[in-house]
């Protein structure tokens, strides 16, 4: 069974979000958890691979979450908009 672990970088990004975005993020994280347990992706989650070990899923039209998967652990790396995700990916290929 896979476990979900938030990294310090995710926690820092989380502090910067407004309360409305945090509510949306909570719902998306619940869907992501159900996806990890069941293996059935939710259509609105938009889970996709962005490089060899990193994936992303949607919170809303602007906000995304980067997940790094290693064996049975899913690390929540970053929550941010498209530009922040692109910047992160350039830095950590």
N, C-alpha and C. Protein backbone atom coordinates (compact mmCIF):
# COMPACT_ATOMS: atom_id res chain seq x y z
N UNK A 1 0.84 -1.19 0.00
CA UNK A 1 0.00 0.00 0.00
C UNK A 1 0.88 1.25 0.00
N UNK A 2 0.54 2.19 -0.85
CA UNK A 2 1.32 3.42 -0.95
C UNK A 2 0.95 4.39 0.15
N UNK A 3 1.93 5.16 0.56
CA UNK A 3 1.68 6.21 1.55
C UNK A 3 2.00 7.56 0.92
N UNK A 4 1.37 8.60 1.44
CA UNK A 4 1.55 9.96 0.93
C UNK A 4 2.27 10.78 1.99
N UNK A 5 3.42 11.37 1.59
CA UNK A 5 4.26 12.12 2.52
C UNK A 5 4.47 13.53 1.98
N UNK A 6 4.04 14.57 2.71
CA UNK A 6 4.31 15.94 2.27
C UNK A 6 5.75 16.34 2.63
N UNK A 7 6.45 16.92 1.68
CA UNK A 7 7.80 17.41 1.92
C UNK A 7 7.74 18.84 2.47
N UNK A 8 8.86 19.30 2.99
CA UNK A 8 8.95 20.66 3.55
C UNK A 8 8.64 21.71 2.49
N UNK A 9 9.05 21.46 1.25
CA UNK A 9 8.77 22.41 0.16
C UNK A 9 7.27 22.54 -0.07
N UNK A 10 6.54 21.44 0.05
CA UNK A 10 5.10 21.46 -0.09
C UNK A 10 4.47 22.26 1.05
N UNK A 11 4.95 22.04 2.26
CA UNK A 11 4.44 22.77 3.43
C UNK A 11 4.66 24.27 3.28
N UNK A 12 5.82 24.67 2.75
CA UNK A 12 6.09 26.10 2.54
C UNK A 12 5.12 26.71 1.53
N UNK A 13 4.87 25.99 0.45
CA UNK A 13 3.94 26.47 -0.57
C UNK A 13 2.52 26.54 -0.02
N UNK A 14 2.18 25.59 0.81
CA UNK A 14 0.85 25.52 1.41
C UNK A 14 0.57 26.76 2.27
N UNK A 15 1.57 27.24 2.98
CA UNK A 15 1.40 28.42 3.84
C UNK A 15 1.08 29.68 3.03
N UNK A 16 1.52 29.71 1.77
CA UNK A 16 1.32 30.89 0.93
C UNK A 16 -0.07 30.94 0.29
N UNK A 17 -0.80 29.83 0.34
CA UNK A 17 -2.11 29.78 -0.32
C UNK A 17 -3.17 30.52 0.48
N UNK A 18 -4.13 31.08 -0.25
CA UNK A 18 -5.26 31.73 0.42
C UNK A 18 -6.23 30.65 0.92
N UNK A 19 -7.12 30.99 1.85
CA UNK A 19 -8.02 30.00 2.44
C UNK A 19 -8.89 29.25 1.42
N UNK A 20 -9.36 29.94 0.39
CA UNK A 20 -10.19 29.30 -0.63
C UNK A 20 -9.40 28.23 -1.39
N UNK A 21 -8.15 28.53 -1.73
CA UNK A 21 -7.30 27.57 -2.43
C UNK A 21 -6.99 26.36 -1.54
N UNK A 22 -6.84 26.59 -0.24
CA UNK A 22 -6.60 25.48 0.69
C UNK A 22 -7.79 24.53 0.75
N UNK A 23 -8.99 25.07 0.68
CA UNK A 23 -10.19 24.22 0.67
C UNK A 23 -10.23 23.37 -0.60
N UNK A 24 -9.94 23.98 -1.74
CA UNK A 24 -9.90 23.24 -3.01
C UNK A 24 -8.81 22.18 -2.97
N UNK A 25 -7.65 22.53 -2.41
CA UNK A 25 -6.54 21.59 -2.31
C UNK A 25 -6.92 20.39 -1.46
N UNK A 26 -7.62 20.63 -0.37
CA UNK A 26 -8.04 19.53 0.51
C UNK A 26 -8.90 18.52 -0.26
N UNK A 27 -9.85 19.02 -1.05
CA UNK A 27 -10.70 18.14 -1.86
C UNK A 27 -9.90 17.35 -2.87
N UNK A 28 -8.94 17.99 -3.52
CA UNK A 28 -8.10 17.31 -4.51
C UNK A 28 -7.20 16.27 -3.86
N UNK A 29 -6.69 16.57 -2.68
CA UNK A 29 -5.86 15.61 -1.97
C UNK A 29 -6.67 14.38 -1.55
N UNK A 30 -7.93 14.59 -1.19
CA UNK A 30 -8.79 13.45 -0.87
C UNK A 30 -9.01 12.58 -2.10
N UNK A 31 -9.25 13.20 -3.25
CA UNK A 31 -9.41 12.44 -4.50
C UNK A 31 -8.12 11.72 -4.86
N UNK A 32 -6.98 12.38 -4.66
CA UNK A 32 -5.70 11.76 -4.96
C UNK A 32 -5.48 10.54 -4.05
N UNK A 33 -5.82 10.67 -2.78
CA UNK A 33 -5.69 9.56 -1.85
C UNK A 33 -6.57 8.39 -2.28
N UNK A 34 -7.80 8.67 -2.69
CA UNK A 34 -8.69 7.61 -3.18
C UNK A 34 -8.12 6.96 -4.44
N UNK A 35 -7.51 7.76 -5.31
CA UNK A 35 -6.87 7.23 -6.51
C UNK A 35 -5.72 6.30 -6.16
N UNK A 36 -4.90 6.69 -5.19
CA UNK A 36 -3.77 5.86 -4.77
C UNK A 36 -4.26 4.54 -4.19
N UNK A 37 -5.32 4.58 -3.40
CA UNK A 37 -5.86 3.37 -2.77
C UNK A 37 -6.53 2.47 -3.79
N UNK A 38 -7.37 3.04 -4.66
CA UNK A 38 -8.17 2.23 -5.58
C UNK A 38 -7.48 1.97 -6.92
N UNK A 39 -6.63 2.88 -7.35
CA UNK A 39 -6.00 2.74 -8.66
C UNK A 39 -6.85 3.28 -9.80
N UNK A 40 -8.03 3.78 -9.49
CA UNK A 40 -8.93 4.35 -10.50
C UNK A 40 -8.84 5.86 -10.46
N UNK A 41 -8.28 6.49 -11.52
CA UNK A 41 -8.14 7.95 -11.50
C UNK A 41 -9.48 8.65 -11.68
N UNK A 42 -9.64 9.78 -11.02
CA UNK A 42 -10.81 10.62 -11.20
C UNK A 42 -10.58 11.47 -12.44
N UNK A 43 -11.60 11.61 -13.24
CA UNK A 43 -11.48 12.36 -14.49
C UNK A 43 -11.02 13.81 -14.25
N UNK A 44 -11.56 14.46 -13.25
CA UNK A 44 -11.23 15.86 -12.98
C UNK A 44 -9.88 16.06 -12.33
N UNK A 45 -9.24 14.99 -11.88
CA UNK A 45 -7.96 15.09 -11.20
C UNK A 45 -6.84 15.45 -12.18
N UNK A 46 -6.92 14.98 -13.41
CA UNK A 46 -5.92 15.31 -14.42
C UNK A 46 -4.53 14.80 -14.08
N UNK A 47 -4.44 13.64 -13.48
CA UNK A 47 -3.16 13.07 -13.06
C UNK A 47 -2.35 12.70 -14.30
N UNK A 48 -1.11 13.23 -14.40
CA UNK A 48 -0.28 12.91 -15.55
C UNK A 48 1.19 12.98 -15.19
N UNK A 49 1.99 12.27 -15.98
CA UNK A 49 3.44 12.23 -15.79
C UNK A 49 4.05 13.47 -16.42
N UNK A 50 4.99 14.12 -15.69
CA UNK A 50 5.63 15.31 -16.24
C UNK A 50 7.13 15.10 -16.48
N UNK A 51 7.73 14.13 -15.83
CA UNK A 51 9.07 13.65 -16.20
C UNK A 51 9.25 12.26 -15.60
N UNK A 52 10.45 11.73 -15.56
CA UNK A 52 10.65 10.30 -15.27
C UNK A 52 10.07 9.82 -13.94
N UNK A 53 10.09 10.60 -12.88
CA UNK A 53 9.55 10.14 -11.59
C UNK A 53 8.59 11.15 -10.95
N UNK A 54 8.24 12.19 -11.70
CA UNK A 54 7.35 13.23 -11.17
C UNK A 54 6.05 13.27 -11.95
N UNK A 55 4.98 13.51 -11.21
CA UNK A 55 3.65 13.57 -11.78
C UNK A 55 2.98 14.83 -11.25
N UNK A 56 1.87 15.21 -11.87
CA UNK A 56 1.11 16.34 -11.38
C UNK A 56 -0.37 16.02 -11.43
N UNK A 57 -1.13 16.70 -10.57
CA UNK A 57 -2.58 16.65 -10.66
C UNK A 57 -3.15 18.03 -10.39
N UNK A 58 -4.37 18.23 -10.88
CA UNK A 58 -5.03 19.53 -10.81
C UNK A 58 -5.75 19.74 -9.49
N UNK A 59 -5.67 20.96 -9.01
CA UNK A 59 -6.51 21.41 -7.90
C UNK A 59 -7.66 22.22 -8.49
N UNK A 60 -7.31 23.16 -9.36
CA UNK A 60 -8.29 23.92 -10.14
C UNK A 60 -7.62 24.34 -11.44
N UNK A 61 -8.21 25.26 -12.15
CA UNK A 61 -7.68 25.63 -13.47
C UNK A 61 -6.28 26.23 -13.40
N UNK A 62 -5.91 26.81 -12.27
CA UNK A 62 -4.61 27.45 -12.14
C UNK A 62 -3.63 26.69 -11.25
N UNK A 63 -4.13 25.98 -10.28
CA UNK A 63 -3.29 25.38 -9.25
C UNK A 63 -3.02 23.90 -9.52
N UNK A 64 -1.75 23.49 -9.38
CA UNK A 64 -1.32 22.11 -9.61
C UNK A 64 -0.49 21.63 -8.42
N UNK A 65 -0.42 20.31 -8.27
CA UNK A 65 0.40 19.69 -7.23
C UNK A 65 1.39 18.76 -7.93
N UNK A 66 2.67 18.87 -7.58
CA UNK A 66 3.70 17.98 -8.10
C UNK A 66 3.92 16.87 -7.08
N UNK A 67 3.94 15.64 -7.60
CA UNK A 67 4.12 14.45 -6.77
C UNK A 67 5.31 13.66 -7.32
N UNK A 68 6.20 13.25 -6.42
CA UNK A 68 7.32 12.39 -6.80
C UNK A 68 7.04 11.01 -6.23
N UNK A 69 7.06 10.01 -7.10
CA UNK A 69 6.73 8.65 -6.67
C UNK A 69 7.99 7.79 -6.67
N UNK A 70 8.28 7.23 -5.51
CA UNK A 70 9.40 6.30 -5.34
C UNK A 70 8.88 5.07 -4.62
N UNK A 71 8.91 3.94 -5.30
CA UNK A 71 8.43 2.66 -4.76
C UNK A 71 7.02 2.81 -4.20
N UNK A 72 6.84 2.70 -2.89
CA UNK A 72 5.51 2.76 -2.29
C UNK A 72 5.23 4.09 -1.58
N UNK A 73 6.00 5.12 -1.90
CA UNK A 73 5.81 6.42 -1.26
C UNK A 73 5.55 7.49 -2.32
N UNK A 74 4.51 8.27 -2.11
CA UNK A 74 4.20 9.41 -2.96
C UNK A 74 4.53 10.67 -2.18
N UNK A 75 5.55 11.39 -2.62
CA UNK A 75 5.97 12.61 -1.96
C UNK A 75 5.25 13.80 -2.59
N UNK A 76 4.56 14.59 -1.77
CA UNK A 76 3.96 15.83 -2.24
C UNK A 76 5.08 16.86 -2.23
N UNK A 77 5.48 17.32 -3.41
CA UNK A 77 6.67 18.16 -3.55
C UNK A 77 6.32 19.64 -3.56
N UNK A 78 5.31 20.01 -4.32
CA UNK A 78 5.06 21.43 -4.58
C UNK A 78 3.59 21.64 -4.92
N UNK A 79 3.06 22.75 -4.51
CA UNK A 79 1.74 23.18 -4.97
C UNK A 79 1.91 24.59 -5.50
N UNK A 80 1.47 24.80 -6.74
CA UNK A 80 1.65 26.12 -7.34
C UNK A 80 1.00 26.23 -8.70
N UNK A 81 1.19 27.38 -9.33
CA UNK A 81 0.62 27.60 -10.65
C UNK A 81 1.56 27.05 -11.73
N UNK A 82 1.18 27.21 -12.98
CA UNK A 82 1.95 26.66 -14.09
C UNK A 82 3.39 27.18 -14.11
N UNK A 83 3.56 28.48 -13.87
CA UNK A 83 4.90 29.07 -13.91
C UNK A 83 5.79 28.52 -12.81
N UNK A 84 5.25 28.34 -11.61
CA UNK A 84 6.03 27.80 -10.49
C UNK A 84 6.42 26.34 -10.76
N UNK A 85 5.52 25.59 -11.37
CA UNK A 85 5.82 24.19 -11.71
C UNK A 85 6.93 24.14 -12.76
N UNK A 86 6.83 24.98 -13.80
CA UNK A 86 7.86 25.02 -14.84
C UNK A 86 9.22 25.39 -14.26
N UNK A 87 9.23 26.38 -13.38
CA UNK A 87 10.48 26.82 -12.74
C UNK A 87 11.09 25.66 -11.94
N UNK A 88 10.26 24.95 -11.19
CA UNK A 88 10.74 23.80 -10.40
C UNK A 88 11.32 22.73 -11.32
N UNK A 89 10.64 22.42 -12.41
CA UNK A 89 11.09 21.36 -13.32
C UNK A 89 12.41 21.72 -14.00
N UNK A 90 12.61 22.99 -14.32
CA UNK A 90 13.88 23.42 -14.91
C UNK A 90 15.01 23.23 -13.91
N UNK A 91 14.73 23.49 -12.65
CA UNK A 91 15.74 23.41 -11.60
C UNK A 91 16.08 21.96 -11.25
N UNK A 92 15.08 21.07 -11.25
CA UNK A 92 15.28 19.68 -10.80
C UNK A 92 14.89 18.69 -11.88
N UNK A 93 15.62 18.63 -12.94
CA UNK A 93 15.33 17.68 -14.02
C UNK A 93 15.70 16.32 -13.62
